[in-house]
PDB file of all heavy atoms in Angstrom:
ATOM      1  N   GLU A   1     112.545  92.381  86.062  1.00  0.00           N
ATOM      2  CA  GLU A   1     111.394  92.912  86.648  1.00  0.00           C
ATOM      3  C   GLU A   1     111.560  94.423  87.127  1.00  0.00           C
ATOM      4  O   GLU A   1     112.510  94.689  87.865  1.00  0.00           O
ATOM      5  CB  GLU A   1     110.861  92.092  87.828  1.00  0.00           C
ATOM      6  CG  GLU A   1     109.594  92.542  88.444  1.00  0.00           C
ATOM      7  CD  GLU A   1     109.104  91.571  89.488  1.00  0.00           C
ATOM      8  OE1 GLU A   1     109.359  90.367  89.415  1.00  0.00           O
ATOM      9  OE2 GLU A   1     108.267  92.038  90.393  1.00  0.00           O
ATOM     10  N   GLY A   2     110.624  95.276  86.726  1.00  0.00           N
ATOM     11  CA  GLY A   2     110.649  96.640  87.160  1.00  0.00           C
ATOM     12  C   GLY A   2     109.222  97.104  87.335  1.00  0.00           C
ATOM     13  O   GLY A   2     108.307  96.322  87.384  1.00  0.00           O
ATOM     14  N   SER A   3     109.064  98.386  87.452  1.00  0.00           N
ATOM     15  CA  SER A   3     107.699  98.962  87.609  1.00  0.00           C
ATOM     16  C   SER A   3     107.579 100.269  86.853  1.00  0.00           C
ATOM     17  O   SER A   3     108.590 100.937  86.584  1.00  0.00           O
ATOM     18  CB  SER A   3     107.408  99.236  89.102  1.00  0.00           C
ATOM     19  OG  SER A   3     108.351 100.205  89.613  1.00  0.00           O
ATOM     20  N   PHE A   4     106.371 100.550  86.420  1.00  0.00           N
ATOM     21  CA  PHE A   4     106.054 101.828  85.835  1.00  0.00           C
ATOM     22  C   PHE A   4     104.600 102.140  85.974  1.00  0.00           C
ATOM     23  O   PHE A   4     103.718 101.280  85.812  1.00  0.00           O
ATOM     24  CB  PHE A   4     106.351 101.759  84.349  1.00  0.00           C
ATOM     25  CG  PHE A   4     106.077 103.050  83.582  1.00  0.00           C
ATOM     26  CD1 PHE A   4     106.819 104.146  83.672  1.00  0.00           C
ATOM     27  CD2 PHE A   4     104.923 103.117  82.767  1.00  0.00           C
ATOM     28  CE1 PHE A   4     106.524 105.356  82.971  1.00  0.00           C
ATOM     29  CE2 PHE A   4     104.579 104.243  82.089  1.00  0.00           C
ATOM     30  CZ  PHE A   4     105.459 105.364  82.196  1.00  0.00           C
ATOM     31  N   GLY A   5     104.319 103.334  86.472  1.00  0.00           N
ATOM     32  CA  GLY A   5     102.928 103.777  86.697  1.00  0.00           C
ATOM     33  C   GLY A   5     102.151 102.872  87.587  1.00  0.00           C
ATOM     34  O   GLY A   5     100.932 102.712  87.390  1.00  0.00           O
ATOM     35  N   GLY A   6     102.771 102.254  88.569  1.00  0.00           N
ATOM     36  CA  GLY A   6     102.110 101.352  89.476  1.00  0.00           C
ATOM     37  C   GLY A   6     101.958  99.946  88.946  1.00  0.00           C
ATOM     38  O   GLY A   6     101.462  99.080  89.661  1.00  0.00           O
ATOM     39  N   ALA A   7     102.383  99.637  87.715  1.00  0.00           N
ATOM     40  CA  ALA A   7     102.323  98.345  87.094  1.00  0.00           C
ATOM     41  C   ALA A   7     103.661  97.642  87.195  1.00  0.00           C
ATOM     42  O   ALA A   7     104.664  98.278  87.234  1.00  0.00           O
ATOM     43  CB  ALA A   7     101.782  98.374  85.693  1.00  0.00           C
ATOM     44  N   VAL A   8     103.609  96.321  87.176  1.00  0.00           N
ATOM     45  CA  VAL A   8     104.854  95.519  87.079  1.00  0.00           C
ATOM     46  C   VAL A   8     105.201  95.255  85.589  1.00  0.00           C
ATOM     47  O   VAL A   8     104.389  94.933  84.823  1.00  0.00           O
ATOM     48  CB  VAL A   8     104.628  94.112  87.790  1.00  0.00           C
ATOM     49  CG1 VAL A   8     105.873  93.301  87.622  1.00  0.00           C
ATOM     50  CG2 VAL A   8     104.389  94.342  89.307  1.00  0.00           C
ATOM     51  N   VAL A   9     106.461  95.485  85.281  1.00  0.00           N
ATOM     52  CA  VAL A   9     106.952  95.358  83.919  1.00  0.00           C
ATOM     53  C   VAL A   9     107.993  94.196  83.859  1.00  0.00           C
ATOM     54  O   VAL A   9     109.012  94.325  84.529  1.00  0.00           O
ATOM     55  CB  VAL A   9     107.603  96.613  83.321  1.00  0.00           C
ATOM     56  CG1 VAL A   9     108.074  96.427  81.906  1.00  0.00           C
ATOM     57  CG2 VAL A   9     106.583  97.820  83.429  1.00  0.00           C
ATOM     58  N   LEU A  10     107.685  93.182  83.144  1.00  0.00           N
ATOM     59  CA  LEU A  10     108.594  92.092  82.938  1.00  0.00           C
ATOM     60  C   LEU A  10     109.174  92.132  81.534  1.00  0.00           C
ATOM     61  O   LEU A  10     108.401  92.246  80.568  1.00  0.00           O
ATOM     62  CB  LEU A  10     107.904  90.712  83.093  1.00  0.00           C
ATOM     63  CG  LEU A  10     107.152  90.506  84.442  1.00  0.00           C
ATOM     64  CD1 LEU A  10     106.410  89.177  84.444  1.00  0.00           C
ATOM     65  CD2 LEU A  10     108.128  90.582  85.628  1.00  0.00           C
ATOM     66  N   THR A  11     110.448  92.126  81.401  1.00  0.00           N
ATOM     67  CA  THR A  11     111.056  92.216  80.068  1.00  0.00           C
ATOM     68  C   THR A  11     112.288  91.288  79.943  1.00  0.00           C
ATOM     69  O   THR A  11     112.647  90.588  80.871  1.00  0.00           O
ATOM     70  CB  THR A  11     111.343  93.663  79.743  1.00  0.00           C
ATOM     71  OG1 THR A  11     111.744  93.845  78.386  1.00  0.00           O
ATOM     72  CG2 THR A  11     112.513  94.206  80.614  1.00  0.00           C
ATOM     73  N   THR A  12     112.941  91.374  78.829  1.00  0.00           N
ATOM     74  CA  THR A  12     113.839  90.283  78.378  1.00  0.00           C
ATOM     75  C   THR A  12     115.289  90.490  78.921  1.00  0.00           C
ATOM     76  O   THR A  12     115.823  91.528  78.799  1.00  0.00           O
ATOM     77  CB  THR A  12     113.961  90.256  76.863  1.00  0.00           C
ATOM     78  OG1 THR A  12     112.666  90.432  76.296  1.00  0.00           O
ATOM     79  CG2 THR A  12     114.531  88.957  76.380  1.00  0.00           C
ATOM     80  N   PRO A  13     115.790  89.429  79.669  1.00  0.00           N
ATOM     81  CA  PRO A  13     117.118  89.578  80.253  1.00  0.00           C
ATOM     82  C   PRO A  13     118.235  89.311  79.291  1.00  0.00           C
ATOM     83  O   PRO A  13     117.930  89.017  78.082  1.00  0.00           O
ATOM     84  CB  PRO A  13     117.099  88.466  81.331  1.00  0.00           C
ATOM     85  CG  PRO A  13     116.296  87.387  80.618  1.00  0.00           C
ATOM     86  CD  PRO A  13     115.205  88.117  79.929  1.00  0.00           C
ATOM     87  N   ALA A  14     119.495  89.434  79.675  1.00  0.00           N
ATOM     88  CA  ALA A  14     120.636  89.084  78.845  1.00  0.00           C
ATOM     89  C   ALA A  14     120.507  87.582  78.349  1.00  0.00           C
ATOM     90  O   ALA A  14     119.986  86.813  79.208  1.00  0.00           O
ATOM     91  CB  ALA A  14     121.946  89.302  79.600  1.00  0.00           C
ATOM     92  N   PRO A  15     120.907  87.282  77.177  1.00  0.00           N
ATOM     93  CA  PRO A  15     121.845  88.053  76.322  1.00  0.00           C
ATOM     94  C   PRO A  15     121.106  89.128  75.507  1.00  0.00           C
ATOM     95  O   PRO A  15     121.767  89.769  74.697  1.00  0.00           O
ATOM     96  CB  PRO A  15     122.437  87.010  75.404  1.00  0.00           C
ATOM     97  CG  PRO A  15     121.434  85.927  75.333  1.00  0.00           C
ATOM     98  CD  PRO A  15     120.805  85.895  76.670  1.00  0.00           C
ATOM     99  N   SER A  16     119.761  89.325  75.584  1.00  0.00           N
ATOM    100  CA  SER A  16     119.154  90.464  74.918  1.00  0.00           C
ATOM    101  C   SER A  16     119.694  91.764  75.579  1.00  0.00           C
ATOM    102  O   SER A  16     119.789  91.807  76.787  1.00  0.00           O
ATOM    103  CB  SER A  16     117.636  90.374  75.096  1.00  0.00           C
ATOM    104  OG  SER A  16     117.011  91.597  74.668  1.00  0.00           O
ATOM    105  N   LEU A  17     119.910  92.736  74.735  1.00  0.00           N
ATOM    106  CA  LEU A  17     120.277  94.055  75.285  1.00  0.00           C
ATOM    107  C   LEU A  17     119.051  94.934  75.470  1.00  0.00           C
ATOM    108  O   LEU A  17     119.091  95.957  76.149  1.00  0.00           O
ATOM    109  CB  LEU A  17     121.222  94.770  74.196  1.00  0.00           C
ATOM    110  CG  LEU A  17     122.535  94.023  73.872  1.00  0.00           C
ATOM    111  CD1 LEU A  17     123.225  94.794  72.809  1.00  0.00           C
ATOM    112  CD2 LEU A  17     123.323  93.811  75.055  1.00  0.00           C
ATOM    113  N   GLY A  18     117.886  94.591  74.798  1.00  0.00           N
ATOM    114  CA  GLY A  18     116.744  95.421  74.742  1.00  0.00           C
ATOM    115  C   GLY A  18     116.013  95.560  76.119  1.00  0.00           C
ATOM    116  O   GLY A  18     115.500  96.626  76.400  1.00  0.00           O
ATOM    117  N   GLY A  19     115.964  94.469  76.905  1.00  0.00           N
ATOM    118  CA  GLY A  19     115.279  94.506  78.137  1.00  0.00           C
ATOM    119  C   GLY A  19     115.799  95.575  79.112  1.00  0.00           C
ATOM    120  O   GLY A  19     115.031  96.272  79.717  1.00  0.00           O
ATOM    121  N   ALA A  20     117.105  95.700  79.206  1.00  0.00           N
ATOM    122  CA  ALA A  20     117.710  96.710  80.047  1.00  0.00           C
ATOM    123  C   ALA A  20     117.361  98.125  79.531  1.00  0.00           C
ATOM    124  O   ALA A  20     117.239  99.040  80.391  1.00  0.00           O
ATOM    125  CB  ALA A  20     119.273  96.487  80.132  1.00  0.00           C
ATOM    126  N   VAL A  21     117.289  98.285  78.277  1.00  0.00           N
ATOM    127  CA  VAL A  21     116.893  99.611  77.715  1.00  0.00           C
ATOM    128  C   VAL A  21     115.509  99.958  78.146  1.00  0.00           C
ATOM    129  O   VAL A  21     115.250 101.069  78.628  1.00  0.00           O
ATOM    130  CB  VAL A  21     117.025  99.624  76.156  1.00  0.00           C
ATOM    131  CG1 VAL A  21     116.458 100.895  75.588  1.00  0.00           C
ATOM    132  CG2 VAL A  21     118.485  99.416  75.772  1.00  0.00           C
ATOM    133  N   VAL A  22     114.562  99.033  77.995  1.00  0.00           N
ATOM    134  CA  VAL A  22     113.149  99.282  78.433  1.00  0.00           C
ATOM    135  C   VAL A  22     113.092  99.588  79.917  1.00  0.00           C
ATOM    136  O   VAL A  22     112.480 100.496  80.348  1.00  0.00           O
ATOM    137  CB  VAL A  22     112.279  98.037  78.045  1.00  0.00           C
ATOM    138  CG1 VAL A  22     110.889  98.223  78.665  1.00  0.00           C
ATOM    139  CG2 VAL A  22     112.210  97.994  76.531  1.00  0.00           C
ATOM    140  N   GLN A  23     113.765  98.751  80.708  1.00  0.00           N
ATOM    141  CA  GLN A  23     113.662  98.869  82.173  1.00  0.00           C
ATOM    142  C   GLN A  23     114.318 100.211  82.654  1.00  0.00           C
ATOM    143  O   GLN A  23     113.701 100.936  83.457  1.00  0.00           O
ATOM    144  CB  GLN A  23     114.413  97.713  82.781  1.00  0.00           C
ATOM    145  CG  GLN A  23     114.295  97.650  84.291  1.00  0.00           C
ATOM    146  CD  GLN A  23     115.029  96.457  84.876  1.00  0.00           C
ATOM    147  OE1 GLN A  23     116.252  96.290  84.680  1.00  0.00           O
ATOM    148  NE2 GLN A  23     114.318  95.597  85.600  1.00  0.00           N
ATOM    149  N   THR A  24     115.557 100.536  82.125  1.00  0.00           N
ATOM    150  CA  THR A  24     116.127 101.788  82.507  1.00  0.00           C
ATOM    151  C   THR A  24     115.390 102.991  82.048  1.00  0.00           C
ATOM    152  O   THR A  24     115.217 103.985  82.766  1.00  0.00           O
ATOM    153  CB  THR A  24     117.606 101.870  81.907  1.00  0.00           C
ATOM    154  OG1 THR A  24     118.315 100.670  82.318  1.00  0.00           O
ATOM    155  CG2 THR A  24     118.331 103.124  82.333  1.00  0.00           C
ATOM    156  N   GLY A  25     114.873 102.968  80.794  1.00  0.00           N
ATOM    157  CA  GLY A  25     114.127 104.134  80.297  1.00  0.00           C
ATOM    158  C   GLY A  25     112.885 104.379  81.012  1.00  0.00           C
ATOM    159  O   GLY A  25     112.472 105.472  81.319  1.00  0.00           O
ATOM    160  N   LEU A  26     112.078 103.255  81.394  1.00  0.00           N
ATOM    161  CA  LEU A  26     110.866 103.486  82.087  1.00  0.00           C
ATOM    162  C   LEU A  26     111.087 104.000  83.467  1.00  0.00           C
ATOM    163  O   LEU A  26     110.336 104.788  83.934  1.00  0.00           O
ATOM    164  CB  LEU A  26     110.063 102.172  82.107  1.00  0.00           C
ATOM    165  CG  LEU A  26     109.436 101.673  80.740  1.00  0.00           C
ATOM    166  CD1 LEU A  26     108.783 100.271  80.964  1.00  0.00           C
ATOM    167  CD2 LEU A  26     108.405 102.670  80.239  1.00  0.00           C
ATOM    168  N   ALA A  27     112.187 103.518  84.131  1.00  0.00           N
ATOM    169  CA  ALA A  27     112.458 104.014  85.460  1.00  0.00           C
ATOM    170  C   ALA A  27     112.738 105.514  85.417  1.00  0.00           C
ATOM    171  O   ALA A  27     112.381 106.270  86.325  1.00  0.00           O
ATOM    172  CB  ALA A  27     113.654 103.205  86.066  1.00  0.00           C
ATOM    173  N   ALA A  28     113.473 105.987  84.328  1.00  0.00           N
ATOM    174  CA  ALA A  28     113.781 107.350  84.223  1.00  0.00           C
ATOM    175  C   ALA A  28     112.549 108.229  83.892  1.00  0.00           C
ATOM    176  O   ALA A  28     112.516 109.429  84.181  1.00  0.00           O
ATOM    177  CB  ALA A  28     114.875 107.582  83.154  1.00  0.00           C
ATOM    178  N   LEU A  29     111.573 107.606  83.313  1.00  0.00           N
ATOM    179  CA  LEU A  29     110.364 108.322  82.849  1.00  0.00           C
ATOM    180  C   LEU A  29     109.285 108.379  83.929  1.00  0.00           C
ATOM    181  O   LEU A  29     108.337 109.164  83.858  1.00  0.00           O
ATOM    182  CB  LEU A  29     109.817 107.628  81.588  1.00  0.00           C
ATOM    183  CG  LEU A  29     108.900 108.329  80.649  1.00  0.00           C
ATOM    184  CD1 LEU A  29     109.491 109.634  80.196  1.00  0.00           C
ATOM    185  CD2 LEU A  29     108.411 107.413  79.555  1.00  0.00           C
ATOM    186  N   ASP A  30     109.383 107.524  84.945  1.00  0.00           N
ATOM    187  CA  ASP A  30     108.270 107.412  85.915  1.00  0.00           C
ATOM    188  C   ASP A  30     108.475 108.453  87.068  1.00  0.00           C
ATOM    189  O   ASP A  30     109.545 108.444  87.658  1.00  0.00           O
ATOM    190  CB  ASP A  30     108.380 105.985  86.510  1.00  0.00           C
ATOM    191  CG  ASP A  30     107.110 105.565  87.147  1.00  0.00           C
ATOM    192  OD1 ASP A  30     106.041 106.214  87.067  1.00  0.00           O
ATOM    193  OD2 ASP A  30     107.133 104.543  87.930  1.00  0.00           O
TER     194      ASP A  30
END
């Protein structure tokens, strides 16, 4: 669970690698 632009973003946990990419990237972009 993270946030971006005031919205809550839910994405895929391990063993997926992709969710951490989405979460980290959106945090850096916000």
